[in-house]
């Protein structure tokens, strides 16, 4: 099973964004993005998630593609 960190890195590269660019778009530091991709940290889920949203972490679609707002 592929880990979140691997999916995140692959998806980011697929859409040709740097770690800094993706970090800026999602509102985290580049260091946090590095930690996510290296598996040293995982992003916090929203404190009040929308339970009607079938996708709890909207950055990665069901097809393992990066989804940006």
Protein backbone atom coordinates (compact mmCIF):
# COMPACT_ATOMS: atom_id res chain seq x y z
CA UNK A 1 0.00 0.00 0.00
CA UNK A 2 1.32 3.39 -0.98
CA UNK A 3 1.89 5.82 1.85
CA UNK A 4 0.45 9.30 1.94
CA UNK A 5 3.93 10.82 1.65
CA UNK A 6 4.62 8.92 -1.57
CA UNK A 7 1.26 9.84 -3.09
CA UNK A 8 1.75 13.49 -2.19
CA UNK A 9 5.20 13.64 -3.80
CA UNK A 10 4.10 11.82 -6.95
CA UNK A 11 1.00 13.97 -7.31
CA UNK A 12 2.94 17.20 -6.79
CA UNK A 13 5.47 16.20 -9.42
CA UNK A 14 2.72 15.14 -11.82
CA UNK A 15 1.28 18.66 -11.80
CA UNK A 16 4.80 20.14 -11.99
CA UNK A 17 4.82 22.16 -8.79
CA UNK A 18 7.78 22.67 -6.49
CA UNK A 19 7.39 21.97 -2.79
CA UNK A 20 7.43 25.72 -2.19
CA UNK A 21 4.69 26.37 -4.74
CA UNK A 22 2.42 23.68 -3.32
CA UNK A 23 3.12 24.77 0.25
CA UNK A 24 2.12 28.34 -0.60
CA UNK A 25 -1.10 27.18 -2.28
CA UNK A 26 -2.20 25.08 0.68
CA UNK A 27 -1.03 27.50 3.37
CA UNK A 28 1.88 25.67 4.99
CA UNK A 29 5.62 26.26 5.06
CA UNK A 30 7.98 24.63 2.61
CA UNK A 31 9.59 22.84 5.58
CA UNK A 32 6.21 21.34 6.49
CA UNK A 33 5.74 20.15 2.91
CA UNK A 34 9.18 18.53 3.00
CA UNK A 35 8.26 16.78 6.24
CA UNK A 36 4.99 15.53 4.73
CA UNK A 37 6.77 14.14 1.69
CA UNK A 38 9.50 12.50 3.78
CA UNK A 39 6.94 10.89 6.08
CA UNK A 40 8.18 12.77 9.15
CA UNK A 41 4.84 14.52 9.63
CA UNK A 42 1.27 14.34 8.41
CA UNK A 43 -0.99 17.33 7.80
CA UNK A 44 -3.61 18.07 10.43
CA UNK A 45 -7.16 17.48 9.39
CA UNK A 46 -9.52 20.44 9.67
CA UNK A 47 -10.87 20.76 13.18
CA UNK A 48 -14.46 20.66 11.90
CA UNK A 49 -14.42 18.53 8.75
CA UNK A 50 -17.38 18.59 6.41
CA UNK A 51 -18.74 15.09 6.93
CA UNK A 52 -20.69 15.33 3.68
CA UNK A 53 -17.38 15.55 1.80
CA UNK A 54 -16.41 12.00 0.76
CA UNK A 55 -12.81 13.17 0.38
CA UNK A 56 -11.45 14.06 3.84
CA UNK A 57 -8.14 15.35 2.48
CA UNK A 58 -8.94 17.20 -0.75
CA UNK A 59 -5.37 17.52 -2.02
CA UNK A 60 -5.32 13.98 -3.36
CA UNK A 61 -8.18 12.76 -5.53
CA UNK A 62 -9.27 9.14 -5.66
CA UNK A 63 -7.06 8.84 -8.76
CA UNK A 64 -4.00 9.98 -6.78
CA UNK A 65 -3.91 13.32 -8.55
CA UNK A 66 -3.26 16.61 -6.87
CA UNK A 67 -6.40 18.70 -6.51
CA UNK A 68 -5.86 22.37 -5.82
CA UNK A 69 -8.43 25.05 -5.03
